[in-house]
Amino acid sequence: MKRTNRQKELSAAELEEFFQQLALFFKSGIPAWEGLALLGEETGGRNSELFRMLSAKVADGNSLSDAFLQSGRFPGYAVDMVRIGERTGRMQEIAESLHAYYEGRDALARELRTSVVYPLVMAGMVLVVIFVLTVAVMPVFEQVFKQLGLAMNPFSLSLLRFGQAFSQSALVILIVVTVLVLIFFLLRFTKKGRAVLWRAYDTSPLTRKVAAVIAAERFAFSMSLMLESGIYIVDALHFAADLEESERAKARIVELERLLGEGKPLQEAIFASGIFEESYNGMIVAGLRTGTPGTMLMEVALRCRRDAELRLQRLLAIIEPALVALLCVLVGLVILSVMLPLAGILSGM
């Protein structure tokens, strides 16, 4: 699915607010084009022109999903889910569900920013301190020791040589860091680049379990909406596979399709495909036995979201103090390498 332009996509917070308003319009019986026109007139923000453009396209006979796609401002997941709502006639439910989905994504993004910015700022400050100590302070102490006829200990000398090498290579290091940052942003804003980042996210030992749970949430969420809308399960699985960006998660959905095609019962096929962790088996069994798979999958999606948030919190709770402790140890070693020889001189006077 190709976009007509490369404008920046709406953020999770903007999508949350937009779909909340859209759901209210559908609930009130207001046509999509009229609701979008109202948003364009009343918001007065940076997206007012977008809403007016969407209203004009829908009024001209385009579907809402096509208008979203042509704008280039909506993620593929939102476009495809709206298309499913148009096919099933359940646009209000889809808009409400997308509001809840992006509300969770926005909360998760805010938590990640809060948890990551602090240790990064701390790391930057401590690295600056280490740089100043090794480049500016250590050479002064070396000259003092030489004037006193003393020699610095091996550790202090190693730090001094490191500081000298670092200061001589500072420009090269700055260029390398800048190039790495540019590469990251190029990957982030291109389709192939995002695929590379997704693979890294899926396969990294630190994030692959969280990635699997988040993929399971997306699958359960979309499948719940489609099954509740009366879409046949095989067709729903095709749609769910198209919605998925993670290759590993898509392979699990394809495996589930294959197992069902071979005649395996739905419960056994779900367990064998590995889409969900074993801890979700009880909920799946209960939902299938009561004949409410759509409701069950929505409950599974909500639990997956909570589990993903908890796992991210635990991961950050480990990384943040470990990073701060490591940097503090480095600063302590640098200071001790200077202070211990100085203390020895003072004690001998």
C-alpha atoms as a PDB file:
ATOM      1  CA  MET A   1       0.000   0.000   0.000  1.00  0.00           C
ATOM      2  CA  LYS A   2       1.663   3.224  -1.158  1.00  0.00           C
ATOM      3  CA  ARG A   3       1.212   6.737   0.072  1.00  0.00           C
ATOM      4  CA  THR A   4       0.878   9.706  -2.213  1.00  0.00           C
ATOM      5  CA  ASN A   5       3.263  11.877  -0.167  1.00  0.00           C
ATOM      6  CA  ARG A   6       5.720  11.698   2.667  1.00  0.00           C
ATOM      7  CA  GLN A   7       4.295  14.141   5.147  1.00  0.00           C
ATOM      8  CA  LYS A   8       4.856  13.394   8.804  1.00  0.00           C
ATOM      9  CA  GLU A   9       2.299  11.009  10.277  1.00  0.00           C
ATOM     10  CA  LEU A  10       0.020  12.137  13.078  1.00  0.00           C
ATOM     11  CA  SER A  11       1.325  11.309  16.523  1.00  0.00           C
ATOM     12  CA  ALA A  12      -0.365   8.763  18.796  1.00  0.00           C
ATOM     13  CA  ALA A  13      -1.796  11.627  20.912  1.00  0.00           C
ATOM     14  CA  GLU A  14      -3.246  13.326  17.813  1.00  0.00           C
ATOM     15  CA  LEU A  15      -4.696  10.049  16.540  1.00  0.00           C
ATOM     16  CA  GLU A  16      -6.227   9.333  19.956  1.00  0.00           C
ATOM     17  CA  GLU A  17      -8.011  12.699  19.990  1.00  0.00           C
ATOM     18  CA  PHE A  18      -9.041  12.449  16.336  1.00  0.00           C
ATOM     19  CA  PHE A  19     -10.650   9.008  16.615  1.00  0.00           C
ATOM     20  CA  GLN A  20     -12.398   9.991  19.839  1.00  0.00           C
ATOM     21  CA  GLN A  21     -14.030  12.894  18.012  1.00  0.00           C
ATOM     22  CA  LEU A  22     -14.770  10.744  14.973  1.00  0.00           C
ATOM     23  CA  ALA A  23     -16.482   8.134  17.161  1.00  0.00           C
ATOM     24  CA  LEU A  24     -18.691  10.861  18.666  1.00  0.00           C
ATOM     25  CA  PHE A  25     -19.713  12.004  15.181  1.00  0.00           C
ATOM     26  CA  PHE A  26     -20.665   8.471  14.130  1.00  0.00           C
ATOM     27  CA  LYS A  27     -22.558   7.957  17.396  1.00  0.00           C
ATOM     28  CA  SER A  28     -24.522  11.150  16.788  1.00  0.00           C
ATOM     29  CA  GLY A  29     -25.334  10.175  13.208  1.00  0.00           C
ATOM     30  CA  ILE A  30     -23.240  12.982  11.700  1.00  0.00           C
ATOM     31  CA  PRO A  31     -21.779  12.025   8.280  1.00  0.00           C
ATOM     32  CA  ALA A  32     -18.001  11.668   8.137  1.00  0.00           C
ATOM     33  CA  TRP A  33     -17.515  14.560   5.681  1.00  0.00           C
ATOM     34  CA  GLU A  34     -19.582  16.908   7.860  1.00  0.00           C
ATOM     35  CA  GLY A  35     -17.792  15.885  11.045  1.00  0.00           C
ATOM     36  CA  LEU A  36     -14.404  16.399   9.405  1.00  0.00           C
ATOM     37  CA  ALA A  37     -15.515  19.817   8.155  1.00  0.00           C
ATOM     38  CA  LEU A  38     -16.529  20.761  11.708  1.00  0.00           C
ATOM     39  CA  LEU A  39     -13.121  19.674  12.976  1.00  0.00           C
ATOM     40  CA  GLY A  40     -11.455  21.778  10.300  1.00  0.00           C
ATOM     41  CA  GLU A  41     -13.454  24.855  11.322  1.00  0.00           C
ATOM     42  CA  GLU A  42     -13.349  24.494  15.100  1.00  0.00           C
ATOM     43  CA  THR A  43      -9.900  23.119  15.903  1.00  0.00           C
ATOM     44  CA  GLY A  44      -7.933  26.020  14.444  1.00  0.00           C
ATOM     45  CA  GLY A  45      -4.726  24.058  14.981  1.00  0.00           C
ATOM     46  CA  ARG A  46      -2.036  22.812  12.686  1.00  0.00           C
ATOM     47  CA  ASN A  47      -4.254  19.934  11.501  1.00  0.00           C
ATOM     48  CA  SER A  48      -7.268  22.045  10.534  1.00  0.00           C
ATOM     49  CA  GLU A  49      -6.187  22.087   6.877  1.00  0.00           C
ATOM     50  CA  LEU A  50      -5.854  18.286   6.950  1.00  0.00           C
ATOM     51  CA  PHE A  51      -9.407  17.889   8.272  1.00  0.00           C
ATOM     52  CA  ARG A  52     -10.814  20.221   5.610  1.00  0.00           C
ATOM     53  CA  MET A  53      -8.964  18.295   2.908  1.00  0.00           C
ATOM     54  CA  LEU A  54     -10.302  14.974   4.223  1.00  0.00           C
ATOM     55  CA  SER A  55     -13.833  16.396   4.331  1.00  0.00           C
ATOM     56  CA  ALA A  56     -13.569  17.555   0.708  1.00  0.00           C
ATOM     57  CA  LYS A  57     -12.313  14.163  -0.481  1.00  0.00           C
ATOM     58  CA  VAL A  58     -15.065  12.240   1.319  1.00  0.00           C
ATOM     59  CA  ALA A  59     -17.699  14.696   0.048  1.00  0.00           C
ATOM     60  CA  ASP A  60     -16.393  14.076  -3.505  1.00  0.00           C
ATOM     61  CA  GLY A  61     -17.148  10.363  -3.162  1.00  0.00           C
ATOM     62  CA  ASN A  62     -13.895   8.935  -1.812  1.00  0.00           C
ATOM     63  CA  SER A  63     -14.092   6.478   1.052  1.00  0.00           C
ATOM     64  CA  LEU A  64     -12.766   7.618   4.411  1.00  0.00           C
ATOM     65  CA  SER A  65      -9.939   5.057   4.285  1.00  0.00           C
ATOM     66  CA  ASP A  66      -8.894   6.243   0.802  1.00  0.00           C
ATOM     67  CA  ALA A  67      -8.915   9.850   2.024  1.00  0.00           C
ATOM     68  CA  PHE A  68      -6.700   8.833   4.951  1.00  0.00           C
ATOM     69  CA  LEU A  69      -4.323   7.020   2.615  1.00  0.00           C
ATOM     70  CA  GLN A  70      -4.103   9.882   0.114  1.00  0.00           C
ATOM     71  CA  SER A  71      -3.315  12.376   2.876  1.00  0.00           C
ATOM     72  CA  GLY A  72      -0.196  10.434   3.882  1.00  0.00           C
ATOM     73  CA  ARG A  73      -0.753  11.473   7.510  1.00  0.00           C
ATOM     74  CA  PHE A  74      -2.264   8.271   8.914  1.00  0.00           C
ATOM     75  CA  PRO A  75      -0.385   5.047   9.766  1.00  0.00           C
ATOM     76  CA  GLY A  76      -1.179   1.961   7.722  1.00  0.00           C
ATOM     77  CA  TYR A  77      -2.771   0.258  10.711  1.00  0.00           C
ATOM     78  CA  ALA A  78      -5.381   3.020  11.102  1.00  0.00           C
ATOM     79  CA  VAL A  79      -6.091   3.088   7.341  1.00  0.00           C
ATOM     80  CA  ASP A  80      -6.620  -0.669   7.155  1.00  0.00           C
ATOM     81  CA  MET A  81      -8.781  -0.800  10.288  1.00  0.00           C
ATOM     82  CA  VAL A  82     -11.017   1.983   8.929  1.00  0.00           C
ATOM     83  CA  ARG A  83     -11.289   0.047   5.664  1.00  0.00           C
ATOM     84  CA  ILE A  84     -12.454  -2.986   7.669  1.00  0.00           C
ATOM     85  CA  GLY A  85     -15.023  -0.770   9.403  1.00  0.00           C
ATOM     86  CA  GLU A  86     -16.320   0.423   6.039  1.00  0.00           C
ATOM     87  CA  ARG A  87     -16.679  -3.135   4.780  1.00  0.00           C
ATOM     88  CA  THR A  88     -18.519  -4.313   7.899  1.00  0.00           C
ATOM     89  CA  GLY A  89     -20.588  -1.186   8.561  1.00  0.00           C
ATOM     90  CA  ARG A  90     -19.195  -0.819  12.087  1.00  0.00           C
ATOM     91  CA  MET A  91     -17.379   2.471  11.825  1.00  0.00           C
ATOM     92  CA  GLN A  92     -18.408   3.666  15.281  1.00  0.00           C
ATOM     93  CA  GLU A  93     -16.949   0.562  16.952  1.00  0.00           C
ATOM     94  CA  ILE A  94     -13.790   0.828  14.848  1.00  0.00           C
ATOM     95  CA  ALA A  95     -13.326   4.512  15.729  1.00  0.00           C
ATOM     96  CA  GLU A  96     -13.866   3.801  19.434  1.00  0.00           C
ATOM     97  CA  SER A  97     -11.423   0.901  19.324  1.00  0.00           C
ATOM     98  CA  LEU A  98      -8.801   2.956  17.486  1.00  0.00           C
ATOM     99  CA  HIS A  99      -9.219   5.686  20.096  1.00  0.00           C
ATOM    100  CA  ALA A 100      -8.488   3.135  22.831  1.00  0.00           C
ATOM    101  CA  TYR A 101      -5.599   1.650  20.838  1.00  0.00           C
ATOM    102  CA  TYR A 102      -3.825   4.974  20.277  1.00  0.00           C
ATOM    103  CA  GLU A 103      -4.567   6.068  23.826  1.00  0.00           C
ATOM    104  CA  GLY A 104      -2.532   3.067  24.977  1.00  0.00           C
ATOM    105  CA  ARG A 105       0.219   3.792  22.429  1.00  0.00           C
ATOM    106  CA  ASP A 106       0.409   7.427  23.575  1.00  0.00           C
ATOM    107  CA  ALA A 107       0.612   6.460  27.254  1.00  0.00           C
ATOM    108  CA  LEU A 108       3.345   3.943  26.452  1.00  0.00           C
ATOM    109  CA  ALA A 109       5.298   6.497  24.400  1.00  0.00           C
ATOM    110  CA  ARG A 110       5.105   9.080  27.208  1.00  0.00           C
ATOM    111  CA  GLU A 111       6.321   6.531  29.717  1.00  0.00           C
ATOM    112  CA  LEU A 112       9.213   5.540  27.476  1.00  0.00           C
ATOM    113  CA  ARG A 113      10.235   9.167  26.935  1.00  0.00           C
ATOM    114  CA  THR A 114      10.122   9.863  30.666  1.00  0.00           C
ATOM    115  CA  SER A 115      12.083   6.726  31.518  1.00  0.00           C
ATOM    116  CA  VAL A 116      14.715   7.086  28.786  1.00  0.00           C
ATOM    117  CA  VAL A 117      15.394  10.845  28.813  1.00  0.00           C
ATOM    118  CA  TYR A 118      16.554  10.948  32.442  1.00  0.00           C
ATOM    119  CA  PRO A 119      19.277   8.268  32.163  1.00  0.00           C
ATOM    120  CA  LEU A 120      20.388   9.695  28.803  1.00  0.00           C
ATOM    121  CA  VAL A 121      20.776  13.167  30.311  1.00  0.00           C
ATOM    122  CA  MET A 122      22.645  11.665  33.258  1.00  0.00           C
ATOM    123  CA  ALA A 123      24.893   9.723  30.888  1.00  0.00           C
ATOM    124  CA  GLY A 124      25.646  12.852  28.886  1.00  0.00           C
ATOM    125  CA  MET A 125      26.502  14.880  31.994  1.00  0.00           C
ATOM    126  CA  VAL A 126      28.746  12.178  33.427  1.00  0.00           C
ATOM    127  CA  LEU A 127      30.527  11.667  30.107  1.00  0.00           C
ATOM    128  CA  VAL A 128      31.209  15.408  29.960  1.00  0.00           C
ATOM    129  CA  VAL A 129      32.691  15.219  33.470  1.00  0.00           C
ATOM    130  CA  ILE A 130      34.868  12.278  32.471  1.00  0.00           C
ATOM    131  CA  PHE A 131      35.984  14.103  29.329  1.00  0.00           C
ATOM    132  CA  VAL A 132      36.963  17.225  31.306  1.00  0.00           C
ATOM    133  CA  LEU A 133      38.826  15.168  33.907  1.00  0.00           C
ATOM    134  CA  THR A 134      40.778  13.110  31.381  1.00  0.00           C
ATOM    135  CA  VAL A 135      41.508  15.910  28.899  1.00  0.00           C
ATOM    136  CA  ALA A 136      41.955  18.978  31.125  1.00  0.00           C
ATOM    137  CA  VAL A 137      42.661  17.875  34.714  1.00  0.00           C
ATOM    138  CA  MET A 138      44.842  14.784  34.336  1.00  0.00           C
ATOM    139  CA  PRO A 139      47.573  16.532  32.271  1.00  0.00           C
ATOM    140  CA  VAL A 140      47.893  19.176  35.013  1.00  0.00           C
ATOM    141  CA  PHE A 141      48.457  16.520  37.640  1.00  0.00           C
ATOM    142  CA  GLU A 142      51.034  14.820  35.418  1.00  0.00           C
ATOM    143  CA  GLN A 143      53.022  18.069  35.239  1.00  0.00           C
ATOM    144  CA  VAL A 144      52.770  18.511  39.012  1.00  0.00           C
ATOM    145  CA  PHE A 145      54.032  14.976  39.619  1.00  0.00           C
ATOM    146  CA  LYS A 146      56.940  15.511  37.207  1.00  0.00           C
ATOM    147  CA  GLN A 147      57.960  18.716  39.017  1.00  0.00           C
ATOM    148  CA  LEU A 148      57.903  16.840  42.320  1.00  0.00           C
ATOM    149  CA  GLY A 149      59.977  14.047  40.837  1.00  0.00           C
ATOM    150  CA  LEU A 150      57.179  11.491  41.185  1.00  0.00           C
ATOM    151  CA  ALA A 151      55.455   9.211  38.719  1.00  0.00           C
ATOM    152  CA  MET A 152      51.728   8.663  38.304  1.00  0.00           C
ATOM    153  CA  ASN A 153      50.410   5.176  38.965  1.00  0.00           C
ATOM    154  CA  PRO A 154      49.683   2.938  35.931  1.00  0.00           C
ATOM    155  CA  PHE A 155      45.916   3.446  36.135  1.00  0.00           C
ATOM    156  CA  SER A 156      46.268   7.250  36.186  1.00  0.00           C
ATOM    157  CA  LEU A 157      48.685   7.109  33.275  1.00  0.00           C
ATOM    158  CA  SER A 158      46.248   4.947  31.312  1.00  0.00           C
ATOM    159  CA  LEU A 159      43.482   7.494  31.895  1.00  0.00           C
ATOM    160  CA  LEU A 160      45.820  10.282  30.844  1.00  0.00           C
ATOM    161  CA  ARG A 161      46.732   8.523  27.587  1.00  0.00           C
ATOM    162  CA  PHE A 162      43.053   7.815  26.960  1.00  0.00           C
ATOM    163  CA  GLY A 163      42.222  11.500  27.451  1.00  0.00           C
ATOM    164  CA  GLN A 164      44.965  12.549  25.070  1.00  0.00           C
ATOM    165  CA  ALA A 165      43.796  10.110  22.402  1.00  0.00           C
ATOM    166  CA  PHE A 166      40.181  11.197  22.948  1.00  0.00           C
ATOM    167  CA  SER A 167      41.014  14.889  22.578  1.00  0.00           C
ATOM    168  CA  GLN A 168      43.004  14.217  19.379  1.00  0.00           C
ATOM    169  CA  SER A 169      40.129  12.164  17.922  1.00  0.00           C
ATOM    170  CA  ALA A 170      37.272  14.379  19.118  1.00  0.00           C
ATOM    171  CA  LEU A 171      36.395  15.622  15.613  1.00  0.00           C
ATOM    172  CA  VAL A 172      36.358  12.092  14.182  1.00  0.00           C
ATOM    173  CA  ILE A 173      34.181  10.873  17.062  1.00  0.00           C
ATOM    174  CA  LEU A 174      31.761  13.771  16.541  1.00  0.00           C
ATOM    175  CA  ILE A 175      31.485  12.959  12.828  1.00  0.00           C
ATOM    176  CA  VAL A 176      30.887   9.253  13.543  1.00  0.00           C
ATOM    177  CA  VAL A 177      28.170  10.033  16.122  1.00  0.00           C
ATOM    178  CA  THR A 178      26.497  12.485  13.722  1.00  0.00           C
ATOM    179  CA  VAL A 179      26.533   9.912  10.919  1.00  0.00           C
ATOM    180  CA  LEU A 180      25.006   7.273  13.216  1.00  0.00           C
ATOM    181  CA  VAL A 181      22.228   9.660  14.250  1.00  0.00           C
ATOM    182  CA  LEU A 182      21.514  10.520  10.604  1.00  0.00           C
ATOM    183  CA  ILE A 183      21.424   6.828   9.685  1.00  0.00           C
ATOM    184  CA  PHE A 184      18.916   6.180  12.470  1.00  0.00           C
ATOM    185  CA  PHE A 185      16.602   8.956  11.270  1.00  0.00           C
ATOM    186  CA  LEU A 186      16.909   7.801   7.649  1.00  0.00           C
ATOM    187  CA  LEU A 187      15.923   4.313   8.746  1.00  0.00           C
ATOM    188  CA  ARG A 188      13.085   5.680  10.859  1.00  0.00           C
ATOM    189  CA  PHE A 189      11.455   7.629   8.024  1.00  0.00           C
ATOM    190  CA  THR A 190      11.789   5.194   5.098  1.00  0.00           C
ATOM    191  CA  LYS A 191       9.857   2.016   4.480  1.00  0.00           C
ATOM    192  CA  LYS A 192      12.943  -0.179   4.081  1.00  0.00           C
ATOM    193  CA  GLY A 193      14.570   1.518   7.048  1.00  0.00           C
ATOM    194  CA  ARG A 194      11.570   0.829   9.264  1.00  0.00           C
ATOM    195  CA  ALA A 195      11.732  -2.808   8.176  1.00  0.00           C
ATOM    196  CA  VAL A 196      15.372  -2.942   9.313  1.00  0.00           C
ATOM    197  CA  LEU A 197      14.459  -1.384  12.670  1.00  0.00           C
ATOM    198  CA  TRP A 198      11.545  -3.796  13.049  1.00  0.00           C
ATOM    199  CA  ARG A 199      13.869  -6.751  12.490  1.00  0.00           C
ATOM    200  CA  ALA A 200      16.297  -5.410  15.068  1.00  0.00           C
ATOM    201  CA  TYR A 201      13.426  -4.825  17.496  1.00  0.00           C
ATOM    202  CA  ASP A 202      12.057  -8.330  16.881  1.00  0.00           C
ATOM    203  CA  THR A 203      15.367 -10.149  17.275  1.00  0.00           C
ATOM    204  CA  SER A 204      17.198  -8.160  19.959  1.00  0.00           C
ATOM    205  CA  PRO A 205      17.560 -10.181  23.181  1.00  0.00           C
ATOM    206  CA  LEU A 206      16.447  -7.124  25.161  1.00  0.00           C
ATOM    207  CA  THR A 207      13.236  -6.386  23.244  1.00  0.00           C
ATOM    208  CA  ARG A 208      12.102  -9.514  21.382  1.00  0.00           C
ATOM    209  CA  LYS A 209       9.763 -10.715  24.174  1.00  0.00           C
ATOM    210  CA  VAL A 210       8.165  -7.290  24.482  1.00  0.00           C
ATOM    211  CA  ALA A 211       7.878  -7.131  20.670  1.00  0.00           C
ATOM    212  CA  ALA A 212       6.125 -10.517  20.634  1.00  0.00           C
ATOM    213  CA  VAL A 213       3.590  -9.404  23.255  1.00  0.00           C
ATOM    214  CA  ILE A 214       2.878  -6.123  21.427  1.00  0.00           C
ATOM    215  CA  ALA A 215       2.425  -8.038  18.148  1.00  0.00           C
ATOM    216  CA  ALA A 216       0.042 -10.423  19.926  1.00  0.00           C
ATOM    217  CA  GLU A 217      -1.926  -7.400  21.176  1.00  0.00           C
ATOM    218  CA  ARG A 218      -2.279  -6.003  17.634  1.00  0.00           C
ATOM    219  CA  PHE A 219      -3.362  -9.404  16.329  1.00  0.00           C
ATOM    220  CA  ALA A 220      -5.921  -9.989  19.089  1.00  0.00           C
ATOM    221  CA  PHE A 221      -7.272  -6.437  18.785  1.00  0.00           C
ATOM    222  CA  SER A 222      -7.808  -6.547  15.011  1.00  0.00           C
ATOM    223  CA  MET A 223      -9.141 -10.130  15.051  1.00  0.00           C
ATOM    224  CA  SER A 224     -11.638  -9.230  17.782  1.00  0.00           C
ATOM    225  CA  LEU A 225     -13.017  -6.340  15.747  1.00  0.00           C
ATOM    226  CA  MET A 226     -13.257  -8.418  12.584  1.00  0.00           C
ATOM    227  CA  LEU A 227     -14.874 -11.466  14.218  1.00  0.00           C
ATOM    228  CA  GLU A 228     -17.360  -9.241  16.051  1.00  0.00           C
ATOM    229  CA  SER A 229     -18.158  -7.653  12.679  1.00  0.00           C
ATOM    230  CA  GLY A 230     -19.042 -11.037  11.201  1.00  0.00           C
ATOM    231  CA  ILE A 231     -15.953 -11.516   9.016  1.00  0.00           C
ATOM    232  CA  TYR A 232     -15.122 -15.185   8.402  1.00  0.00           C
ATOM    233  CA  ILE A 233     -12.061 -16.248  10.377  1.00  0.00           C
ATOM    234  CA  VAL A 234      -9.939 -17.146   7.334  1.00  0.00           C
ATOM    235  CA  ASP A 235     -10.572 -13.738   5.757  1.00  0.00           C
ATOM    236  CA  ALA A 236      -9.901 -12.091   9.115  1.00  0.00           C
ATOM    237  CA  LEU A 237      -6.538 -13.858   9.317  1.00  0.00           C
ATOM    238  CA  HIS A 238      -5.625 -12.564   5.842  1.00  0.00           C
ATOM    239  CA  PHE A 239      -6.454  -9.023   6.944  1.00  0.00           C
ATOM    240  CA  ALA A 240      -4.532  -9.458  10.217  1.00  0.00           C
ATOM    241  CA  ALA A 241      -1.437 -10.669   8.326  1.00  0.00           C
ATOM    242  CA  ASP A 242      -1.612  -7.630   6.019  1.00  0.00           C
ATOM    243  CA  LEU A 243      -1.833  -5.314   9.047  1.00  0.00           C
ATOM    244  CA  GLU A 244       1.260  -6.764  10.694  1.00  0.00           C
ATOM    245  CA  GLU A 245       4.661  -5.092  10.169  1.00  0.00           C
ATOM    246  CA  SER A 246       6.706  -7.627  12.111  1.00  0.00           C
ATOM    247  CA  GLU A 247       7.884 -10.481   9.869  1.00  0.00           C
ATOM    248  CA  ARG A 248       8.078 -12.896  12.804  1.00  0.00           C
ATOM    249  CA  ALA A 249       4.527 -12.091  13.893  1.00  0.00           C
ATOM    250  CA  LYS A 250       3.292 -12.345  10.303  1.00  0.00           C
ATOM    251  CA  ALA A 251       4.899 -15.791  10.015  1.00  0.00           C
ATOM    252  CA  ARG A 252       2.974 -16.942  13.106  1.00  0.00           C
ATOM    253  CA  ILE A 253      -0.318 -15.752  11.595  1.00  0.00           C
ATOM    254  CA  VAL A 254       0.477 -17.568   8.333  1.00  0.00           C
ATOM    255  CA  GLU A 255       1.245 -20.688  10.366  1.00  0.00           C
ATOM    256  CA  LEU A 256      -2.132 -20.379  12.077  1.00  0.00           C
ATOM    257  CA  GLU A 257      -3.827 -20.148   8.659  1.00  0.00           C
ATOM    258  CA  ARG A 258      -1.949 -23.256   7.518  1.00  0.00           C
ATOM    259  CA  LEU A 259      -2.935 -25.260  10.584  1.00  0.00           C
ATOM    260  CA  LEU A 260      -6.583 -24.314  10.191  1.00  0.00           C
ATOM    261  CA  GLY A 261      -6.381 -25.238   6.505  1.00  0.00           C
ATOM    262  CA  GLU A 262      -5.157 -28.687   7.514  1.00  0.00           C
ATOM    263  CA  GLY A 263      -8.280 -29.130   9.623  1.00  0.00           C
ATOM    264  CA  LYS A 264      -6.875 -28.586  13.101  1.00  0.00           C
ATOM    265  CA  PRO A 265      -9.321 -27.266  15.721  1.00  0.00           C
ATOM    266  CA  LEU A 266      -9.033 -23.517  16.322  1.00  0.00           C
ATOM    267  CA  GLN A 267      -7.829 -23.937  19.910  1.00  0.00           C
ATOM    268  CA  GLU A 268      -5.029 -26.343  18.966  1.00  0.00           C
ATOM    269  CA  ALA A 269      -4.036 -24.225  15.971  1.00  0.00           C
ATOM    270  CA  ILE A 270      -3.748 -21.070  18.119  1.00  0.00           C
ATOM    271  CA  PHE A 271      -1.585 -22.871  20.682  1.00  0.00           C
ATOM    272  CA  ALA A 272       0.626 -24.496  18.032  1.00  0.00           C
ATOM    273  CA  SER A 273       1.184 -21.254  16.085  1.00  0.00           C
ATOM    274  CA  GLY A 274       2.864 -19.590  19.072  1.00  0.00           C
ATOM    275  CA  ILE A 275       1.092 -16.253  18.593  1.00  0.00           C
ATOM    276  CA  PHE A 276       0.269 -16.042  22.296  1.00  0.00           C
ATOM    277  CA  GLU A 277       2.341 -17.077  25.282  1.00  0.00           C
ATOM    278  CA  GLU A 278       1.163 -20.056  27.330  1.00  0.00           C
ATOM    279  CA  SER A 279      -0.057 -17.769  30.135  1.00  0.00           C
ATOM    280  CA  TYR A 280      -2.940 -16.714  27.858  1.00  0.00           C
ATOM    281  CA  ASN A 281      -4.141 -20.273  27.205  1.00  0.00           C
ATOM    282  CA  GLY A 282      -6.753 -20.229  29.985  1.00  0.00           C
ATOM    283  CA  MET A 283      -8.451 -17.110  28.602  1.00  0.00           C
ATOM    284  CA  ILE A 284      -8.403 -18.519  25.071  1.00  0.00           C
ATOM    285  CA  VAL A 285      -9.934 -21.840  26.141  1.00  0.00           C
ATOM    286  CA  ALA A 286     -12.655 -20.093  28.160  1.00  0.00           C
ATOM    287  CA  GLY A 287     -13.524 -17.764  25.276  1.00  0.00           C
ATOM    288  CA  LEU A 288     -13.726 -20.547  22.714  1.00  0.00           C
ATOM    289  CA  ARG A 289     -15.809 -22.833  24.946  1.00  0.00           C
ATOM    290  CA  THR A 290     -18.327 -20.080  25.687  1.00  0.00           C
ATOM    291  CA  GLY A 291     -18.617 -19.245  21.988  1.00  0.00           C
ATOM    292  CA  THR A 292     -17.385 -15.657  22.364  1.00  0.00           C
ATOM    293  CA  PRO A 293     -14.032 -15.598  20.544  1.00  0.00           C
ATOM    294  CA  GLY A 294     -14.341 -11.909  19.650  1.00  0.00           C
ATOM    295  CA  THR A 295     -14.890 -10.834  23.249  1.00  0.00           C
ATOM    296  CA  MET A 296     -12.159 -13.188  24.408  1.00  0.00           C
ATOM    297  CA  LEU A 297      -9.638 -11.763  21.947  1.00  0.00           C
ATOM    298  CA  MET A 298     -10.395  -8.200  23.069  1.00  0.00           C
ATOM    299  CA  GLU A 299      -9.714  -9.252  26.676  1.00  0.00           C
ATOM    300  CA  VAL A 300      -6.502 -10.917  25.536  1.00  0.00           C
ATOM    301  CA  ALA A 301      -5.491  -7.728  23.696  1.00  0.00           C
ATOM    302  CA  LEU A 302      -6.041  -5.631  26.827  1.00  0.00           C
ATOM    303  CA  ARG A 303      -4.023  -8.081  28.921  1.00  0.00           C
ATOM    304  CA  CYS A 304      -1.236  -8.105  26.307  1.00  0.00           C
ATOM    305  CA  ARG A 305      -1.115  -4.306  26.490  1.00  0.00           C
ATOM    306  CA  ARG A 306      -0.783  -4.381  30.285  1.00  0.00           C
ATOM    307  CA  ASP A 307       1.868  -7.105  30.089  1.00  0.00           C
ATOM    308  CA  ALA A 308       3.866  -5.147  27.497  1.00  0.00           C
ATOM    309  CA  GLU A 309       3.784  -2.024  29.664  1.00  0.00           C
ATOM    310  CA  LEU A 310       4.904  -3.990  32.731  1.00  0.00           C
ATOM    311  CA  ARG A 311       7.753  -5.649  30.826  1.00  0.00           C
ATOM    312  CA  LEU A 312       8.954  -2.318  29.486  1.00  0.00           C
ATOM    313  CA  GLN A 313       8.824  -0.870  32.992  1.00  0.00           C
ATOM    314  CA  ARG A 314      10.864  -3.790  34.342  1.00  0.00           C
ATOM    315  CA  LEU A 315      13.385  -3.475  31.504  1.00  0.00           C
ATOM    316  CA  LEU A 316      13.806   0.246  32.085  1.00  0.00           C
ATOM    317  CA  ALA A 317      13.962  -0.316  35.856  1.00  0.00           C
ATOM    318  CA  ILE A 318      17.017  -2.507  35.239  1.00  0.00           C
ATOM    319  CA  ILE A 319      18.720  -0.395  32.566  1.00  0.00           C
ATOM    320  CA  GLU A 320      18.349   3.006  34.238  1.00  0.00           C
ATOM    321  CA  PRO A 321      20.018   2.267  37.615  1.00  0.00           C
ATOM    322  CA  ALA A 322      22.622   0.031  35.956  1.00  0.00           C
ATOM    323  CA  LEU A 323      23.594   2.834  33.578  1.00  0.00           C
ATOM    324  CA  VAL A 324      23.738   5.432  36.360  1.00  0.00           C
ATOM    325  CA  ALA A 325      25.763   3.068  38.594  1.00  0.00           C
ATOM    326  CA  LEU A 326      28.238   2.320  35.796  1.00  0.00           C
ATOM    327  CA  LEU A 327      28.773   5.991  35.038  1.00  0.00           C
ATOM    328  CA  CYS A 328      29.183   6.833  38.719  1.00  0.00           C
ATOM    329  CA  VAL A 329      31.796   4.080  39.073  1.00  0.00           C
ATOM    330  CA  LEU A 330      33.703   5.488  36.097  1.00  0.00           C
ATOM    331  CA  VAL A 331      33.680   8.987  37.557  1.00  0.00           C
ATOM    332  CA  GLY A 332      34.733   7.606  40.934  1.00  0.00           C
ATOM    333  CA  LEU A 333      37.654   5.741  39.401  1.00  0.00           C
ATOM    334  CA  VAL A 334      38.828   8.844  37.561  1.00  0.00           C
ATOM    335  CA  ILE A 335      38.638  10.966  40.724  1.00  0.00           C
ATOM    336  CA  LEU A 336      40.380   8.299  42.827  1.00  0.00           C
ATOM    337  CA  SER A 337      43.169   7.977  40.267  1.00  0.00           C
ATOM    338  CA  VAL A 338      43.894  11.667  40.873  1.00  0.00           C
ATOM    339  CA  MET A 339      43.186  11.919  44.587  1.00  0.00           C
ATOM    340  CA  LEU A 340      45.051   8.822  45.818  1.00  0.00           C
ATOM    341  CA  PRO A 341      48.485   9.885  44.520  1.00  0.00           C
ATOM    342  CA  LEU A 342      47.807  13.400  45.806  1.00  0.00           C
ATOM    343  CA  ALA A 343      46.868  12.020  49.220  1.00  0.00           C
ATOM    344  CA  GLY A 344      50.105  10.018  49.243  1.00  0.00           C
ATOM    345  CA  ILE A 345      52.129  13.192  48.551  1.00  0.00           C
ATOM    346  CA  LEU A 346      50.351  15.129  51.267  1.00  0.00           C
ATOM    347  CA  SER A 347      50.815  12.339  53.829  1.00  0.00           C
ATOM    348  CA  GLY A 348      54.586  12.272  53.107  1.00  0.00           C
ATOM    349  CA  MET A 349      55.061  16.017  53.697  1.00  0.00           C
END
